[in-house]
Amino acid sequence: MELTINGCRLTVEDLGPRDAPLIIAHHGGGGIGSLKEPRDTFGPLSDEYRVIVFDARGCGTSEALPPYSHQQWAADVDALREWAGAEKVTVAGGSYGGFIAMEYALAYPDRIQALMLRDTAADGTNLETAFENARNQNRIEIKWDNFNRYWTGQIRDDADLKQCWSEMIGLYDHDYDPERSARAVEEGTYRHEAHNWCFQHNWGNYDLKDRLGSITVPVLVTVGRHDWVTPVSCSETITKLVPNAELVIFEKSGHSPQKEERELFQQVIRGFIHRAVPLAASA
């Protein structure tokens, strides 16, 4: 369905029982993300919990209405919570969506009930390690001009974004399957304005480390052992700084343990949400 949230038309899916505790899951990827990933990852929890997934403004099939800032994306999450009629919410996010989940917890401390994070980081220094990892691998050939333009927000149009993404997607999985990666590229959506905004405007000021200690709700931090772009050290930093955080490392995964070790990942997130937001207590 389409909802107008903070003046912007968003594509939203509302899953599960309406009277159950609410989970809002934010996709990753900036301009290459959509609700498909969080629906696949967190949708199974809708047998017990209410789960809302959506295309963030400027992403997927939602309206292109800037700003595409962390503050605005977090405000849209809170407006969705209010629309759903929930006093509190568990926010989930993978990769770039993890940035927004943490930003939400810091901006709306009275509304957050728990956090579920996947393969994310508390600041932007992970890119230094990512570039080093890209230089030291021999899995794919890096076209460095396109690689650098991607990570500095210098993408020309949607087709250019798709092309640049197709050239590096092979870095993300633990077990590289070129055909599977090619299918994923074709199934994706590409919005270069939001992507460029992330790296031209958001990235340079992104550093939450000094404030993470104020997050007191239960936090699940998950990461693939072989993640090249937000490596295990990033998740260890979050876990160290957040008082009630627990870390789960998926040993046979890259950046997407929710796909590469799906059954185990589902067990982990369901076990966590049962502990953090018990259904009986919520009812």
Protein backbone atom coordinates (compact mmCIF):
# COMPACT_ATOMS: atom_id res chain seq x y z
CA MET A 1 0.00 0.00 0.00
CA GLU A 2 0.98 3.65 -0.28
CA LEU A 3 1.03 5.97 2.72
CA THR A 4 1.88 9.64 2.99
CA ILE A 5 4.41 9.87 5.80
CA ASN A 6 5.85 13.27 6.72
CA GLY A 7 4.57 14.56 3.39
CA CYS A 8 6.24 11.82 1.33
CA ARG A 9 4.50 8.93 -0.43
CA LEU A 10 6.00 5.67 0.82
CA THR A 11 5.43 2.09 -0.29
CA VAL A 12 4.61 0.12 2.88
CA GLU A 13 3.72 -3.45 3.79
CA ASP A 14 2.03 -4.14 7.14
CA LEU A 15 2.32 -7.79 8.17
CA GLY A 16 1.05 -9.83 11.08
CA PRO A 17 -1.52 -9.32 13.84
CA ARG A 18 -2.34 -5.66 14.42
CA ASP A 19 -2.50 -6.03 18.19
CA ALA A 20 0.95 -7.65 18.47
CA PRO A 21 4.18 -5.84 19.45
CA LEU A 22 5.48 -3.78 16.54
CA ILE A 23 8.71 -4.31 14.60
CA ILE A 24 9.69 -1.80 11.91
CA ALA A 25 12.51 -3.03 9.68
CA HIS A 26 14.57 -0.58 7.61
CA HIS A 27 16.30 -1.81 4.48
CA GLY A 28 19.95 -1.19 3.75
CA GLY A 29 21.68 0.08 0.68
CA GLY A 30 20.60 3.70 0.53
CA GLY A 31 19.60 4.07 -3.11
CA ILE A 32 19.99 0.36 -3.92
CA GLY A 33 17.78 -0.94 -1.10
CA SER A 34 14.09 -1.76 -0.92
CA LEU A 35 11.59 -3.44 1.37
CA LYS A 36 12.20 -6.82 -0.29
CA GLU A 37 15.16 -7.67 1.94
CA PRO A 38 13.62 -6.81 5.33
CA ARG A 39 10.37 -8.49 4.27
CA ASP A 40 12.30 -11.68 3.55
CA THR A 41 14.38 -11.37 6.71
CA PHE A 42 11.87 -10.19 9.31
CA GLY A 43 8.59 -11.10 7.62
CA PRO A 44 8.67 -14.63 9.11
CA LEU A 45 8.28 -13.03 12.56
CA SER A 46 4.83 -11.79 11.49
CA ASP A 47 3.32 -15.08 12.66
CA GLU A 48 3.69 -13.63 16.16
CA TYR A 49 4.62 -9.94 15.81
CA ARG A 50 3.38 -7.04 13.72
CA VAL A 51 6.08 -6.30 11.15
CA ILE A 52 6.17 -3.16 8.98
CA VAL A 53 8.59 -2.95 6.06
CA PHE A 54 8.80 -0.08 3.60
CA ASP A 55 10.77 1.61 0.87
CA ALA A 56 12.46 4.61 2.45
CA ARG A 57 11.93 7.96 0.78
CA GLY A 58 13.94 8.10 -2.43
CA CYS A 59 14.32 4.30 -2.50
CA GLY A 60 12.48 1.40 -4.11
CA THR A 61 9.15 2.67 -5.40
CA SER A 62 8.69 5.44 -2.83
CA GLU A 63 8.58 9.10 -3.75
CA ALA A 64 11.79 10.99 -4.38
CA LEU A 65 11.40 13.77 -1.85
CA PRO A 66 14.62 14.92 -0.17
CA PRO A 67 16.25 15.23 2.26
CA TYR A 68 17.61 11.69 2.42
CA SER A 69 19.31 12.35 5.72
CA HIS A 70 19.59 9.99 8.66
CA GLN A 71 17.44 12.39 10.67
CA GLN A 72 14.67 12.39 8.07
CA TRP A 73 14.73 8.64 7.56
CA ALA A 74 14.55 8.13 11.36
CA ALA A 75 11.68 10.62 11.57
CA ASP A 76 9.84 8.62 8.90
CA VAL A 77 10.26 5.48 11.03
CA ASP A 78 8.70 7.28 13.98
CA ALA A 79 5.83 8.56 11.85
CA LEU A 80 5.19 4.98 10.75
CA ARG A 81 5.16 3.93 14.41
CA GLU A 82 2.62 6.64 15.14
CA TRP A 83 0.51 5.63 12.12
CA ALA A 84 0.51 2.06 13.41
CA GLY A 85 -0.80 3.24 16.77
CA ALA A 86 2.10 1.74 18.75
CA GLU A 87 3.55 3.44 21.80
CA LYS A 88 6.86 1.59 21.44
CA VAL A 89 8.64 -0.19 18.62
CA THR A 90 11.47 -2.59 17.93
CA VAL A 91 13.55 -1.26 15.04
CA ALA A 92 15.59 -3.59 12.85
CA GLY A 93 18.11 -2.68 10.20
CA GLY A 94 20.86 -4.27 8.17
CA SER A 95 23.88 -2.53 6.68
CA TYR A 96 22.87 1.10 6.01
CA GLY A 97 19.55 0.32 7.65
CA GLY A 98 21.49 -0.39 10.83
CA PHE A 99 22.69 3.21 10.78
CA ILE A 100 19.08 4.38 10.75
CA ALA A 101 18.05 1.92 13.47
CA MET A 102 20.75 3.27 15.80
CA GLU A 103 19.93 6.87 14.85
CA TYR A 104 16.30 6.16 15.72
CA ALA A 105 17.17 4.73 19.12
CA LEU A 106 19.21 7.84 19.93
CA ALA A 107 16.64 10.32 18.63
CA TYR A 108 13.55 8.62 20.12
CA PRO A 109 14.70 6.95 23.34
CA ASP A 110 11.19 6.90 24.82
CA ARG A 111 9.80 5.01 21.83
CA ILE A 112 12.40 2.30 21.30
CA GLN A 113 11.78 -1.15 22.79
CA ALA A 114 14.65 -3.15 21.27
CA LEU A 115 17.09 -3.07 18.36
CA MET A 116 18.13 -5.73 15.86
CA LEU A 117 21.24 -4.84 13.84
CA ARG A 118 22.98 -6.72 11.04
CA ASP A 119 26.37 -6.11 9.41
CA THR A 120 26.51 -2.42 10.24
CA ALA A 121 28.81 0.17 11.83
CA ALA A 122 28.77 2.99 14.34
CA ASP A 123 30.84 5.35 12.17
CA GLY A 124 32.23 5.65 8.67
CA THR A 125 35.76 4.40 9.27
CA ASN A 126 34.81 0.95 8.00
CA LEU A 127 35.33 2.21 4.45
CA GLU A 128 39.09 2.36 5.06
CA THR A 129 39.08 -1.35 5.84
CA ALA A 130 36.68 -2.06 2.99
CA PHE A 131 38.98 -0.43 0.45
CA GLU A 132 41.90 -2.42 1.81
CA ASN A 133 39.89 -5.63 1.60
CA ALA A 134 38.92 -4.83 -1.99
CA ARG A 135 42.55 -4.23 -2.94
CA ASN A 136 43.69 -7.48 -1.34
CA GLN A 137 41.12 -9.85 -2.85
CA ASN A 138 41.39 -11.76 -6.11
CA ARG A 139 37.78 -12.86 -6.49
CA ILE A 140 36.73 -10.13 -8.93
CA GLU A 141 38.44 -7.43 -10.95
CA ILE A 142 37.81 -3.99 -9.49
CA LYS A 143 37.17 -1.10 -11.88
CA TRP A 144 38.56 1.51 -9.58
CA ASP A 145 37.08 4.59 -11.21
CA ASN A 146 33.57 3.21 -10.82
CA PHE A 147 34.37 1.82 -7.37
CA ASN A 148 35.57 5.22 -6.15
CA ARG A 149 32.62 7.05 -7.69
CA TYR A 150 30.24 4.65 -5.98
CA TRP A 151 31.68 5.21 -2.52
CA THR A 152 31.95 8.99 -2.90
CA GLY A 153 28.44 9.55 -4.25
CA GLN A 154 29.40 10.56 -7.79
CA ILE A 155 26.89 8.37 -9.61
CA ARG A 156 25.49 9.88 -12.80
CA ASP A 157 22.08 8.21 -13.09
CA ASP A 158 20.16 5.05 -12.12
CA ALA A 159 21.71 2.97 -14.89
CA ASP A 160 25.18 4.03 -13.76
CA LEU A 161 24.35 3.00 -10.20
CA LYS A 162 23.22 -0.43 -11.41
CA GLN A 163 26.40 -0.86 -13.42
CA CYS A 164 28.69 0.12 -10.55
CA TRP A 165 26.81 -2.17 -8.17
CA SER A 166 27.03 -5.08 -10.60
CA GLU A 167 30.82 -4.72 -10.66
CA MET A 168 31.25 -5.09 -6.89
CA ILE A 169 28.37 -7.32 -5.76
CA GLY A 170 30.73 -10.30 -6.01
CA LEU A 171 32.53 -9.08 -2.90
CA TYR A 172 29.55 -9.51 -0.62
CA ASP A 173 28.84 -13.24 -0.29
CA HIS A 174 30.98 -15.80 1.50
CA ASP A 175 30.55 -18.21 -1.41
CA TYR A 176 30.61 -16.28 -4.67
CA ASP A 177 28.13 -17.44 -7.29
CA PRO A 178 28.30 -15.19 -10.39
CA GLU A 179 24.91 -16.31 -11.68
CA ARG A 180 23.22 -15.68 -8.35
CA SER A 181 24.85 -12.27 -8.09
CA ALA A 182 23.73 -11.38 -11.62
CA ARG A 183 20.14 -12.31 -10.76
CA ALA A 184 20.30 -10.16 -7.65
CA VAL A 185 21.47 -7.19 -9.72
CA GLU A 186 18.56 -7.60 -12.14
CA GLU A 187 16.04 -7.92 -9.31
CA GLY A 188 17.23 -4.74 -7.61
CA THR A 189 15.97 -1.16 -7.73
CA TYR A 190 18.34 1.76 -8.29
CA ARG A 191 17.83 5.36 -7.15
CA HIS A 192 21.01 7.33 -7.64
CA GLU A 193 19.82 10.56 -5.97
CA ALA A 194 19.39 8.86 -2.60
CA HIS A 195 22.64 6.95 -3.03
CA ASN A 196 24.62 10.09 -3.79
CA TRP A 197 23.05 11.92 -0.85
CA CYS A 198 24.23 9.18 1.51
CA PHE A 199 27.87 9.69 0.60
CA GLN A 200 27.89 13.40 -0.21
CA HIS A 201 25.92 14.59 2.83
CA ASN A 202 25.50 11.84 5.44
CA TRP A 203 28.76 9.95 5.54
CA GLY A 204 31.17 12.66 6.62
CA ASN A 205 29.19 13.43 9.78
CA TYR A 206 28.27 9.88 10.72
CA ASP A 207 29.78 8.89 14.08
CA LEU A 208 27.57 7.56 16.87
CA LYS A 209 30.24 6.03 19.10
CA ASP A 210 30.16 8.69 21.81
CA ARG A 211 26.38 8.33 22.21
CA LEU A 212 25.79 4.60 21.95
CA GLY A 213 26.21 4.16 25.70
CA SER A 214 22.86 5.90 26.20
CA ILE A 215 20.98 3.09 24.44
CA THR A 216 19.69 0.95 27.30
CA VAL A 217 17.22 -1.34 25.52
CA PRO A 218 18.19 -4.88 24.48
CA VAL A 219 20.23 -4.89 21.26
CA LEU A 220 21.05 -7.82 19.00
CA VAL A 221 24.15 -7.32 16.84
CA THR A 222 24.71 -9.85 14.05
CA VAL A 223 27.48 -10.04 11.46
CA GLY A 224 29.00 -12.42 8.96
CA ARG A 225 32.53 -13.54 9.80
CA HIS A 226 33.70 -12.74 6.25
CA ASP A 227 31.93 -9.41 5.75
CA TRP A 228 34.29 -7.27 3.64
CA VAL A 229 32.54 -3.90 4.01
CA THR A 230 31.33 -3.81 7.65
CA PRO A 231 33.69 -6.37 9.17
CA VAL A 232 33.34 -8.08 12.53
CA SER A 233 35.35 -5.34 14.23
CA CYS A 234 32.54 -2.87 13.51
CA SER A 235 29.99 -5.06 15.27
CA GLU A 236 32.39 -5.64 18.14
CA THR A 237 32.65 -1.88 18.61
CA ILE A 238 28.87 -1.52 18.80
CA THR A 239 28.59 -4.41 21.25
CA LYS A 240 31.31 -2.92 23.44
CA LEU A 241 29.65 0.50 23.60
CA VAL A 242 25.98 -0.50 24.04
CA PRO A 243 25.30 -1.73 27.59
CA ASN A 244 22.71 -4.43 26.77
CA ALA A 245 24.04 -5.64 23.42
CA GLU A 246 24.73 -9.22 22.45
CA LEU A 247 26.86 -10.22 19.47
CA VAL A 248 26.27 -13.22 17.19
CA ILE A 249 28.84 -13.96 14.49
CA PHE A 250 27.83 -16.16 11.56
CA GLU A 251 30.88 -18.15 10.59
CA LYS A 252 29.87 -19.09 7.04
CA SER A 253 28.60 -15.72 5.87
CA GLY A 254 29.76 -12.53 4.25
CA HIS A 255 27.63 -9.38 4.39
CA SER A 256 24.30 -11.25 4.32
CA PRO A 257 23.98 -13.97 6.98
CA GLN A 258 20.21 -13.53 6.78
CA LYS A 259 20.48 -15.26 3.38
CA GLU A 260 23.66 -17.31 3.62
CA GLU A 261 22.77 -18.96 6.94
CA ARG A 262 19.05 -18.33 6.82
CA GLU A 263 17.79 -21.04 9.18
CA LEU A 264 20.26 -20.16 11.90
CA PHE A 265 19.66 -16.44 11.43
CA GLN A 266 15.91 -16.93 11.84
CA GLN A 267 16.49 -18.90 15.04
CA VAL A 268 18.71 -16.13 16.41
CA ILE A 269 16.36 -13.24 15.71
CA ARG A 270 13.30 -15.11 16.98
CA GLY A 271 15.08 -16.12 20.15
CA PHE A 272 16.20 -12.56 20.73
CA ILE A 273 12.82 -10.93 20.14
CA HIS A 274 11.15 -13.47 22.43
CA ARG A 275 13.56 -12.46 25.20
CA ALA A 276 13.53 -8.74 24.51
CA VAL A 277 9.83 -8.28 23.81
CA PRO A 278 7.98 -11.27 25.31
CA LEU A 279 4.56 -11.73 23.79
CA ALA A 280 2.84 -12.53 27.09
CA ALA A 281 4.27 -9.48 28.81
CA SER A 282 3.34 -7.25 25.87
CA ALA A 283 -0.17 -8.59 25.80
